[in-house]
Amino acid sequence: MLGPDRLRAAFCSLERVEELEPRDLGLEQRELFRRWPAGVSVVVAESGGRRAGLTVSSLISMSLDPPLVAISLAHVASLYEVLEEAGEWTASILSGEQDWLAQHFARSVPPLVLWDGIPVRDDDPRLIADAVGWLKVRTIDEVRVGDHTLFVGRVVDLERGPAGSSLVYVAQGYTAL
């Protein structure tokens, strides 16, 4: 068992090593979370005649009563300004066969993603066709955290889709579950 003096000395030597070799915890966090599977969806917002979409793996269910969901967006994301102006948005939870759509919408900086050839629903062009399900959401709060904003929204409508498998992102790639 180490006494308090030896523990203090060991801790101080660790501090000196960290001073010599600074760690990039943000980079380490990114690497760690790449190993943790996350569901994939495309979030879309429209404002001022602009429709923007972005692949996100940060869609989370926050509350059931009232029904709330949230997404986290980088301030530099192409969707950020449009979603902030729109006040409402949709999320299409992608099927295991829609990895090409996830890749298409994965661009996070302008120009905004092109919509030619994108299969959207006839009743709402903000919704991707043949998804696992869809949410229509109204933003009720925005929380700035670091270089991101957490958009918290109330679910105003949702629907289950026809897809049998879901798309997840893990180890820098898309996988069907």
N, C-alpha and C. Protein backbone atom coordinates (compact mmCIF):
# COMPACT_ATOMS: atom_id res chain seq x y z
N MET A 1 0.84 -1.18 0.00
CA MET A 1 0.00 0.00 0.00
C MET A 1 0.88 1.25 0.00
N LEU A 2 0.56 2.21 -0.82
CA LEU A 2 1.32 3.46 -0.89
C LEU A 2 0.86 4.42 0.18
N GLY A 3 1.83 5.06 0.82
CA GLY A 3 1.49 6.08 1.79
C GLY A 3 1.14 7.38 1.10
N PRO A 4 0.63 8.38 1.86
CA PRO A 4 0.21 9.64 1.26
C PRO A 4 1.34 10.38 0.56
N ASP A 5 2.57 10.29 1.10
CA ASP A 5 3.70 10.98 0.46
C ASP A 5 4.04 10.36 -0.88
N ARG A 6 4.02 9.03 -0.96
CA ARG A 6 4.33 8.35 -2.22
C ARG A 6 3.22 8.60 -3.25
N LEU A 7 1.96 8.63 -2.79
CA LEU A 7 0.85 8.93 -3.71
C LEU A 7 0.99 10.33 -4.27
N ARG A 8 1.31 11.30 -3.41
CA ARG A 8 1.47 12.68 -3.84
C ARG A 8 2.61 12.79 -4.85
N ALA A 9 3.72 12.09 -4.60
CA ALA A 9 4.86 12.12 -5.51
C ALA A 9 4.49 11.50 -6.86
N ALA A 10 3.76 10.38 -6.83
CA ALA A 10 3.34 9.73 -8.07
C ALA A 10 2.41 10.64 -8.87
N PHE A 11 1.47 11.31 -8.18
CA PHE A 11 0.55 12.22 -8.84
C PHE A 11 1.31 13.39 -9.47
N CYS A 12 2.27 13.96 -8.73
CA CYS A 12 3.05 15.08 -9.25
C CYS A 12 3.86 14.67 -10.47
N SER A 13 4.40 13.45 -10.48
CA SER A 13 5.16 13.02 -11.65
C SER A 13 4.23 12.83 -12.85
N LEU A 14 2.98 12.39 -12.63
CA LEU A 14 2.02 12.29 -13.73
C LEU A 14 1.71 13.66 -14.30
N GLU A 15 1.56 14.66 -13.42
CA GLU A 15 1.30 16.02 -13.89
C GLU A 15 2.44 16.51 -14.76
N ARG A 16 3.68 16.22 -14.38
CA ARG A 16 4.83 16.66 -15.17
C ARG A 16 4.85 15.99 -16.54
N VAL A 17 4.49 14.70 -16.60
CA VAL A 17 4.44 13.99 -17.89
C VAL A 17 3.39 14.64 -18.78
N GLU A 18 2.22 14.98 -18.21
CA GLU A 18 1.16 15.61 -19.01
C GLU A 18 1.59 16.99 -19.49
N GLU A 19 2.39 17.70 -18.68
CA GLU A 19 2.88 19.00 -19.12
C GLU A 19 3.82 18.85 -20.30
N LEU A 20 4.64 17.79 -20.30
CA LEU A 20 5.58 17.56 -21.39
C LEU A 20 4.87 17.05 -22.64
N GLU A 21 3.88 16.21 -22.45
CA GLU A 21 3.14 15.63 -23.56
C GLU A 21 1.66 15.98 -23.42
N PRO A 22 1.26 17.17 -23.86
CA PRO A 22 -0.15 17.56 -23.69
C PRO A 22 -1.07 16.62 -24.47
N ARG A 23 -2.19 16.29 -23.87
CA ARG A 23 -3.16 15.40 -24.49
C ARG A 23 -4.22 16.23 -25.19
N ASP A 24 -4.70 15.73 -26.29
CA ASP A 24 -5.83 16.33 -26.98
C ASP A 24 -7.05 15.48 -26.64
N LEU A 25 -7.71 15.85 -25.53
CA LEU A 25 -8.84 15.06 -25.07
C LEU A 25 -9.99 15.05 -26.07
N GLY A 26 -10.16 16.14 -26.81
CA GLY A 26 -11.21 16.17 -27.84
C GLY A 26 -10.96 15.12 -28.90
N LEU A 27 -9.72 14.99 -29.34
CA LEU A 27 -9.37 13.97 -30.33
C LEU A 27 -9.55 12.57 -29.75
N GLU A 28 -9.12 12.40 -28.51
CA GLU A 28 -9.28 11.10 -27.86
C GLU A 28 -10.76 10.75 -27.68
N GLN A 29 -11.57 11.76 -27.36
CA GLN A 29 -13.02 11.53 -27.22
C GLN A 29 -13.60 11.09 -28.55
N ARG A 30 -13.22 11.76 -29.63
CA ARG A 30 -13.72 11.39 -30.96
C ARG A 30 -13.36 9.94 -31.27
N GLU A 31 -12.11 9.56 -31.02
CA GLU A 31 -11.66 8.20 -31.29
C GLU A 31 -12.43 7.18 -30.46
N LEU A 32 -12.68 7.48 -29.20
CA LEU A 32 -13.43 6.57 -28.34
C LEU A 32 -14.86 6.40 -28.83
N PHE A 33 -15.53 7.51 -29.13
CA PHE A 33 -16.93 7.44 -29.54
C PHE A 33 -17.12 6.84 -30.92
N ARG A 34 -16.08 6.80 -31.73
CA ARG A 34 -16.16 6.10 -33.01
C ARG A 34 -16.34 4.60 -32.82
N ARG A 35 -15.99 4.11 -31.65
CA ARG A 35 -16.11 2.69 -31.34
C ARG A 35 -17.46 2.34 -30.74
N TRP A 36 -18.30 3.35 -30.52
CA TRP A 36 -19.61 3.15 -29.90
C TRP A 36 -20.69 3.35 -30.95
N PRO A 37 -21.48 2.31 -31.27
CA PRO A 37 -22.49 2.44 -32.32
C PRO A 37 -23.54 3.51 -32.00
N ALA A 38 -23.93 4.24 -33.02
CA ALA A 38 -24.96 5.26 -32.88
C ALA A 38 -25.91 5.17 -34.06
N GLY A 39 -27.20 5.35 -33.80
CA GLY A 39 -28.18 5.37 -34.87
C GLY A 39 -27.95 6.55 -35.81
N VAL A 40 -28.37 6.39 -37.06
CA VAL A 40 -28.13 7.41 -38.07
C VAL A 40 -29.46 7.95 -38.59
N SER A 41 -29.56 9.26 -38.64
CA SER A 41 -30.75 9.90 -39.20
C SER A 41 -30.33 11.10 -40.05
N VAL A 42 -31.25 11.54 -40.87
CA VAL A 42 -31.05 12.77 -41.63
C VAL A 42 -32.02 13.79 -41.08
N VAL A 43 -31.47 14.91 -40.62
CA VAL A 43 -32.27 16.01 -40.08
C VAL A 43 -32.39 17.07 -41.17
N VAL A 44 -33.60 17.57 -41.38
CA VAL A 44 -33.86 18.55 -42.44
C VAL A 44 -34.65 19.72 -41.86
N ALA A 45 -34.27 20.91 -42.30
CA ALA A 45 -35.01 22.13 -41.95
C ALA A 45 -35.12 23.00 -43.19
N GLU A 46 -36.19 23.80 -43.23
CA GLU A 46 -36.41 24.74 -44.33
C GLU A 46 -36.66 26.13 -43.77
N SER A 47 -36.02 27.12 -44.40
CA SER A 47 -36.25 28.50 -44.01
C SER A 47 -35.84 29.41 -45.17
N GLY A 48 -36.66 30.41 -45.43
CA GLY A 48 -36.33 31.38 -46.47
C GLY A 48 -36.08 30.76 -47.83
N GLY A 49 -36.83 29.70 -48.15
CA GLY A 49 -36.67 29.05 -49.45
C GLY A 49 -35.47 28.12 -49.51
N ARG A 50 -34.75 27.94 -48.41
CA ARG A 50 -33.60 27.02 -48.38
C ARG A 50 -33.98 25.77 -47.59
N ARG A 51 -33.68 24.62 -48.18
CA ARG A 51 -33.86 23.35 -47.49
C ARG A 51 -32.48 22.74 -47.29
N ALA A 52 -32.14 22.46 -46.04
CA ALA A 52 -30.83 21.88 -45.74
C ALA A 52 -31.02 20.58 -44.97
N GLY A 53 -30.17 19.61 -45.27
CA GLY A 53 -30.21 18.33 -44.57
C GLY A 53 -28.82 17.94 -44.13
N LEU A 54 -28.74 17.17 -43.07
CA LEU A 54 -27.46 16.74 -42.54
C LEU A 54 -27.60 15.39 -41.85
N THR A 55 -26.65 14.50 -42.08
CA THR A 55 -26.61 13.23 -41.37
C THR A 55 -26.18 13.49 -39.94
N VAL A 56 -26.93 12.95 -38.99
CA VAL A 56 -26.57 13.09 -37.58
C VAL A 56 -26.65 11.73 -36.89
N SER A 57 -25.79 11.56 -35.92
CA SER A 57 -25.85 10.37 -35.07
C SER A 57 -26.12 10.79 -33.63
N SER A 58 -26.57 12.03 -33.47
CA SER A 58 -26.79 12.57 -32.12
C SER A 58 -28.26 12.69 -31.75
N LEU A 59 -29.17 12.16 -32.57
CA LEU A 59 -30.60 12.23 -32.25
C LEU A 59 -30.87 11.38 -31.02
N ILE A 60 -31.45 11.99 -29.98
CA ILE A 60 -31.76 11.25 -28.76
C ILE A 60 -33.17 11.55 -28.29
N SER A 61 -33.77 10.56 -27.67
CA SER A 61 -35.07 10.73 -27.04
C SER A 61 -34.82 11.31 -25.66
N MET A 62 -35.41 12.48 -25.38
CA MET A 62 -35.16 13.16 -24.11
C MET A 62 -36.25 12.89 -23.08
N SER A 63 -37.50 12.83 -23.52
CA SER A 63 -38.63 12.72 -22.60
C SER A 63 -39.81 12.13 -23.36
N LEU A 64 -40.64 11.39 -22.63
CA LEU A 64 -41.86 10.86 -23.23
C LEU A 64 -43.09 11.69 -22.88
N ASP A 65 -43.02 12.41 -21.77
CA ASP A 65 -44.14 13.24 -21.34
C ASP A 65 -43.62 14.57 -20.79
N PRO A 66 -43.55 15.59 -21.62
CA PRO A 66 -43.98 15.64 -23.03
C PRO A 66 -42.95 14.94 -23.92
N PRO A 67 -43.36 14.57 -25.14
CA PRO A 67 -42.43 13.91 -26.05
C PRO A 67 -41.38 14.91 -26.56
N LEU A 68 -40.13 14.71 -26.14
CA LEU A 68 -39.03 15.60 -26.52
C LEU A 68 -37.87 14.79 -27.08
N VAL A 69 -37.23 15.35 -28.11
CA VAL A 69 -36.01 14.79 -28.67
C VAL A 69 -34.98 15.92 -28.77
N ALA A 70 -33.74 15.55 -29.04
CA ALA A 70 -32.69 16.57 -29.18
C ALA A 70 -31.65 16.10 -30.18
N ILE A 71 -30.99 17.08 -30.78
CA ILE A 71 -29.83 16.83 -31.63
C ILE A 71 -28.75 17.83 -31.24
N SER A 72 -27.54 17.46 -31.52
CA SER A 72 -26.40 18.34 -31.27
C SER A 72 -25.78 18.69 -32.61
N LEU A 73 -25.65 19.99 -32.89
CA LEU A 73 -25.08 20.44 -34.17
C LEU A 73 -23.89 21.35 -33.94
N ALA A 74 -22.85 21.13 -34.72
CA ALA A 74 -21.70 22.03 -34.70
C ALA A 74 -22.13 23.39 -35.25
N HIS A 75 -21.57 24.44 -34.70
CA HIS A 75 -21.92 25.79 -35.15
C HIS A 75 -21.54 26.02 -36.61
N VAL A 76 -20.60 25.24 -37.14
CA VAL A 76 -20.17 25.41 -38.53
C VAL A 76 -20.95 24.52 -39.50
N ALA A 77 -21.86 23.71 -39.00
CA ALA A 77 -22.63 22.80 -39.87
C ALA A 77 -23.51 23.58 -40.83
N SER A 78 -23.65 23.06 -42.04
CA SER A 78 -24.46 23.73 -43.05
C SER A 78 -25.92 23.85 -42.62
N LEU A 79 -26.39 22.93 -41.82
CA LEU A 79 -27.78 22.94 -41.36
C LEU A 79 -28.02 23.94 -40.24
N TYR A 80 -26.98 24.32 -39.52
CA TYR A 80 -27.12 25.08 -38.29
C TYR A 80 -27.98 26.35 -38.45
N GLU A 81 -27.59 27.21 -39.36
CA GLU A 81 -28.28 28.49 -39.53
C GLU A 81 -29.73 28.29 -39.99
N VAL A 82 -29.93 27.37 -40.92
CA VAL A 82 -31.28 27.12 -41.44
C VAL A 82 -32.18 26.58 -40.33
N LEU A 83 -31.67 25.63 -39.54
CA LEU A 83 -32.46 25.05 -38.47
C LEU A 83 -32.77 26.10 -37.40
N GLU A 84 -31.81 26.94 -37.09
CA GLU A 84 -32.03 27.98 -36.09
C GLU A 84 -33.12 28.96 -36.54
N GLU A 85 -33.12 29.31 -37.82
CA GLU A 85 -34.14 30.22 -38.36
C GLU A 85 -35.51 29.55 -38.47
N ALA A 86 -35.52 28.27 -38.84
CA ALA A 86 -36.78 27.58 -39.12
C ALA A 86 -37.63 27.36 -37.87
N GLY A 87 -37.01 27.01 -36.78
CA GLY A 87 -37.76 26.75 -35.56
C GLY A 87 -38.44 25.39 -35.54
N GLU A 88 -38.41 24.69 -36.66
CA GLU A 88 -38.93 23.33 -36.70
C GLU A 88 -38.10 22.53 -37.67
N TRP A 89 -38.12 21.21 -37.50
CA TRP A 89 -37.28 20.33 -38.31
C TRP A 89 -37.85 18.93 -38.33
N THR A 90 -37.30 18.12 -39.21
CA THR A 90 -37.71 16.72 -39.30
C THR A 90 -36.48 15.84 -39.12
N ALA A 91 -36.73 14.61 -38.71
CA ALA A 91 -35.67 13.61 -38.65
C ALA A 91 -36.20 12.34 -39.31
N SER A 92 -35.45 11.84 -40.28
CA SER A 92 -35.75 10.57 -40.92
C SER A 92 -34.73 9.57 -40.39
N ILE A 93 -35.19 8.58 -39.66
CA ILE A 93 -34.29 7.56 -39.10
C ILE A 93 -34.02 6.55 -40.22
N LEU A 94 -32.77 6.48 -40.65
CA LEU A 94 -32.43 5.73 -41.86
C LEU A 94 -32.44 4.22 -41.66
N SER A 95 -32.81 3.54 -42.75
CA SER A 95 -32.82 2.07 -42.76
C SER A 95 -31.42 1.56 -43.06
N GLY A 96 -31.23 0.27 -42.83
CA GLY A 96 -29.94 -0.35 -43.09
C GLY A 96 -29.50 -0.29 -44.54
N GLU A 97 -30.44 -0.07 -45.45
CA GLU A 97 -30.12 0.01 -46.88
C GLU A 97 -29.88 1.44 -47.35
N GLN A 98 -29.92 2.41 -46.45
CA GLN A 98 -29.82 3.81 -46.87
C GLN A 98 -28.47 4.44 -46.52
N ASP A 99 -27.42 3.63 -46.48
CA ASP A 99 -26.10 4.16 -46.17
C ASP A 99 -25.64 5.19 -47.19
N TRP A 100 -26.06 5.04 -48.43
CA TRP A 100 -25.67 6.02 -49.46
C TRP A 100 -26.27 7.39 -49.16
N LEU A 101 -27.46 7.41 -48.55
CA LEU A 101 -28.06 8.69 -48.16
C LEU A 101 -27.31 9.31 -46.98
N ALA A 102 -26.90 8.46 -46.05
CA ALA A 102 -26.11 8.96 -44.92
C ALA A 102 -24.83 9.61 -45.43
N GLN A 103 -24.18 8.97 -46.38
CA GLN A 103 -22.95 9.53 -46.95
C GLN A 103 -23.23 10.82 -47.71
N HIS A 104 -24.32 10.85 -48.44
CA HIS A 104 -24.69 12.03 -49.22
C HIS A 104 -24.90 13.25 -48.32
N PHE A 105 -25.58 13.05 -47.19
CA PHE A 105 -25.90 14.16 -46.29
C PHE A 105 -24.84 14.40 -45.22
N ALA A 106 -23.75 13.67 -45.27
CA ALA A 106 -22.72 13.79 -44.23
C ALA A 106 -21.87 15.05 -44.36
N ARG A 107 -22.00 15.78 -45.44
CA ARG A 107 -21.25 17.04 -45.57
C ARG A 107 -21.71 18.00 -44.49
N SER A 108 -20.77 18.59 -43.79
CA SER A 108 -21.16 19.47 -42.68
C SER A 108 -20.89 20.94 -42.95
N VAL A 109 -20.36 21.25 -44.11
CA VAL A 109 -20.10 22.65 -44.44
C VAL A 109 -20.71 22.95 -45.80
N PRO A 110 -21.00 24.23 -46.10
CA PRO A 110 -21.59 24.57 -47.39
C PRO A 110 -20.71 24.08 -48.54
N PRO A 111 -21.23 23.85 -49.75
CA PRO A 111 -22.60 24.16 -50.13
C PRO A 111 -23.60 23.16 -49.57
N LEU A 112 -24.84 23.61 -49.48
CA LEU A 112 -25.89 22.73 -48.97
C LEU A 112 -26.06 21.54 -49.90
N VAL A 113 -26.42 20.43 -49.33
CA VAL A 113 -26.57 19.19 -50.08
C VAL A 113 -27.60 19.34 -51.19
N LEU A 114 -27.26 18.82 -52.34
CA LEU A 114 -28.18 18.84 -53.48
C LEU A 114 -29.28 17.81 -53.26
N TRP A 115 -30.47 18.11 -53.75
CA TRP A 115 -31.63 17.25 -53.52
C TRP A 115 -32.01 16.42 -54.73
N ASP A 116 -31.36 16.64 -55.88
CA ASP A 116 -31.68 15.85 -57.08
C ASP A 116 -31.41 14.38 -56.82
N GLY A 117 -32.41 13.53 -57.13
CA GLY A 117 -32.24 12.10 -56.97
C GLY A 117 -32.44 11.58 -55.56
N ILE A 118 -32.78 12.45 -54.62
CA ILE A 118 -33.01 12.03 -53.24
C ILE A 118 -34.47 11.58 -53.11
N PRO A 119 -34.71 10.34 -52.68
CA PRO A 119 -36.09 9.85 -52.55
C PRO A 119 -36.77 10.45 -51.31
N VAL A 120 -37.68 11.38 -51.56
CA VAL A 120 -38.41 12.02 -50.45
C VAL A 120 -39.87 11.60 -50.53
N ARG A 121 -40.56 11.76 -49.44
CA ARG A 121 -41.99 11.43 -49.41
C ARG A 121 -42.78 12.48 -50.17
N ASP A 122 -43.85 12.04 -50.81
CA ASP A 122 -44.71 12.95 -51.58
C ASP A 122 -45.41 13.96 -50.68
N ASP A 123 -45.77 13.56 -49.46
CA ASP A 123 -46.52 14.43 -48.57
C ASP A 123 -45.66 15.45 -47.84
N ASP A 124 -44.34 15.25 -47.81
CA ASP A 124 -43.44 16.18 -47.13
C ASP A 124 -42.03 15.98 -47.65
N PRO A 125 -41.53 16.88 -48.49
CA PRO A 125 -40.20 16.71 -49.09
C PRO A 125 -39.05 16.82 -48.09
N ARG A 126 -39.35 17.11 -46.83
CA ARG A 126 -38.31 17.12 -45.80
C ARG A 126 -38.06 15.72 -45.24
N LEU A 127 -38.91 14.75 -45.62
CA LEU A 127 -38.80 13.39 -45.10
C LEU A 127 -38.25 12.45 -46.16
N ILE A 128 -37.25 11.66 -45.78
CA ILE A 128 -36.63 10.69 -46.68
C ILE A 128 -37.55 9.47 -46.79
N ALA A 129 -37.82 9.05 -48.02
CA ALA A 129 -38.70 7.90 -48.25
C ALA A 129 -38.08 6.60 -47.73
N ASP A 130 -38.93 5.66 -47.35
CA ASP A 130 -38.54 4.30 -46.98
C ASP A 130 -37.65 4.21 -45.75
N ALA A 131 -37.76 5.14 -44.84
CA ALA A 131 -36.95 5.14 -43.63
C ALA A 131 -37.59 4.24 -42.56
N VAL A 132 -36.88 4.06 -41.46
CA VAL A 132 -37.39 3.32 -40.31
C VAL A 132 -38.55 4.07 -39.67
N GLY A 133 -38.44 5.39 -39.69
CA GLY A 133 -39.49 6.22 -39.12
C GLY A 133 -39.15 7.68 -39.28
N TRP A 134 -40.15 8.54 -38.94
CA TRP A 134 -40.00 9.98 -39.15
C TRP A 134 -40.52 10.73 -37.93
N LEU A 135 -39.87 11.84 -37.66
CA LEU A 135 -40.29 12.74 -36.60
C LEU A 135 -40.44 14.14 -37.18
N LYS A 136 -41.48 14.84 -36.75
CA LYS A 136 -41.62 16.26 -37.03
C LYS A 136 -41.50 16.95 -35.67
N VAL A 137 -40.63 17.96 -35.61
CA VAL A 137 -40.23 18.51 -34.32
C VAL A 137 -40.26 20.03 -34.36
N ARG A 138 -40.67 20.64 -33.24
CA ARG A 138 -40.63 22.10 -33.07
C ARG A 138 -39.61 22.41 -31.98
N THR A 139 -38.63 23.22 -32.31
CA THR A 139 -37.58 23.57 -31.33
C THR A 139 -38.19 24.34 -30.17
N ILE A 140 -37.87 23.90 -28.94
CA ILE A 140 -38.35 24.60 -27.76
C ILE A 140 -37.20 25.20 -26.94
N ASP A 141 -35.98 24.75 -27.21
CA ASP A 141 -34.84 25.30 -26.48
C ASP A 141 -33.57 25.04 -27.28
N GLU A 142 -32.62 25.95 -27.12
CA GLU A 142 -31.29 25.82 -27.72
C GLU A 142 -30.28 26.07 -26.61
N VAL A 143 -29.38 25.13 -26.45
CA VAL A 143 -28.37 25.24 -25.40
C VAL A 143 -27.00 25.20 -26.06
N ARG A 144 -26.28 26.33 -26.00
CA ARG A 144 -24.93 26.39 -26.55
C ARG A 144 -23.97 25.69 -25.60
N VAL A 145 -23.25 24.70 -26.14
CA VAL A 145 -22.32 23.92 -25.35
C VAL A 145 -21.05 23.75 -26.18
N GLY A 146 -19.98 24.44 -25.79
CA GLY A 146 -18.74 24.34 -26.56
C GLY A 146 -18.94 24.82 -27.98
N ASP A 147 -18.48 24.02 -28.94
CA ASP A 147 -18.61 24.39 -30.35
C ASP A 147 -19.88 23.84 -30.99
N HIS A 148 -20.82 23.39 -30.17
CA HIS A 148 -22.09 22.85 -30.63
C HIS A 148 -23.27 23.54 -29.94
N THR A 149 -24.44 23.34 -30.50
CA THR A 149 -25.69 23.73 -29.84
C THR A 149 -26.57 22.50 -29.77
N LEU A 150 -27.15 22.29 -28.60
CA LEU A 150 -28.11 21.22 -28.41
C LEU A 150 -29.49 21.81 -28.70
N PHE A 151 -30.14 21.31 -29.75
CA PHE A 151 -31.48 21.74 -30.11
C PHE A 151 -32.46 20.75 -29.49
N VAL A 152 -33.26 21.22 -28.56
CA VAL A 152 -34.27 20.39 -27.91
C VAL A 152 -35.60 20.72 -28.56
N GLY A 153 -36.32 19.68 -28.97
CA GLY A 153 -37.58 19.91 -29.67
C GLY A 153 -38.70 19.02 -29.18
N ARG A 154 -39.89 19.58 -29.29
CA ARG A 154 -41.10 18.82 -28.96
C ARG A 154 -41.56 18.09 -30.21
N VAL A 155 -41.83 16.82 -30.06
CA VAL A 155 -42.33 16.01 -31.19
C VAL A 155 -43.78 16.40 -31.43
N VAL A 156 -44.06 16.88 -32.65
CA VAL A 156 -45.42 17.26 -32.99
C VAL A 156 -46.11 16.18 -33.81
N ASP A 157 -45.31 15.28 -34.40
CA ASP A 157 -45.86 14.15 -35.13
C ASP A 157 -44.74 13.13 -35.32
N LEU A 158 -45.12 11.87 -35.40
CA LEU A 158 -44.16 10.82 -35.72
C LEU A 158 -44.88 9.70 -36.41
N GLU A 159 -44.10 8.92 -37.14
CA GLU A 159 -44.67 7.82 -37.89
C GLU A 159 -43.62 6.73 -38.05
N ARG A 160 -44.06 5.52 -37.93
CA ARG A 160 -43.18 4.38 -38.13
C ARG A 160 -43.15 4.06 -39.62
N GLY A 161 -41.96 3.78 -40.16
CA GLY A 161 -41.81 3.50 -41.58
C GLY A 161 -41.74 2.02 -41.88
N PRO A 162 -41.56 1.69 -43.17
CA PRO A 162 -41.60 0.30 -43.61
C PRO A 162 -40.29 -0.47 -43.45
N ALA A 163 -39.20 0.20 -43.17
CA ALA A 163 -37.89 -0.46 -43.16
C ALA A 163 -37.78 -1.49 -42.04
N GLY A 164 -37.10 -2.59 -42.34
CA GLY A 164 -36.94 -3.66 -41.37
C GLY A 164 -35.65 -3.59 -40.59
N SER A 165 -34.65 -2.88 -41.10
CA SER A 165 -33.38 -2.76 -40.40
C SER A 165 -33.04 -1.29 -40.22
N SER A 166 -32.17 -1.03 -39.26
CA SER A 166 -31.73 0.34 -38.98
C SER A 166 -30.26 0.51 -39.34
N LEU A 167 -29.88 1.74 -39.61
CA LEU A 167 -28.49 2.06 -39.94
C LEU A 167 -27.79 2.61 -38.71
N VAL A 168 -26.61 2.08 -38.42
CA VAL A 168 -25.79 2.60 -37.32
C VAL A 168 -24.42 2.99 -37.87
N TYR A 169 -23.78 3.89 -37.14
CA TYR A 169 -22.44 4.35 -37.48
C TYR A 169 -21.49 3.86 -36.39
N VAL A 170 -20.47 3.12 -36.79
CA VAL A 170 -19.47 2.63 -35.84
C VAL A 170 -18.16 2.39 -36.59
N ALA A 171 -17.04 2.67 -35.92
CA ALA A 171 -15.71 2.46 -36.50
C ALA A 171 -15.57 3.13 -37.86
N GLN A 172 -16.09 4.35 -37.96
CA GLN A 172 -16.02 5.18 -39.17
C GLN A 172 -16.70 4.55 -40.38
N GLY A 173 -17.75 3.76 -40.14
CA GLY A 173 -18.48 3.16 -41.23
C GLY A 173 -19.93 2.91 -40.86
N TYR A 174 -20.76 2.69 -41.86
CA TYR A 174 -22.18 2.43 -41.67
C TYR A 174 -22.44 0.93 -41.71
N THR A 175 -23.32 0.46 -40.82
CA THR A 175 -23.67 -0.95 -40.70
C THR A 175 -25.18 -1.07 -40.49
N ALA A 176 -25.76 -2.07 -41.14
CA ALA A 176 -27.19 -2.34 -40.94
C ALA A 176 -27.37 -3.27 -39.75
N LEU A 177 -28.40 -2.95 -38.94
CA LEU A 177 -28.77 -3.82 -37.82
C LEU A 177 -30.21 -4.26 -37.98
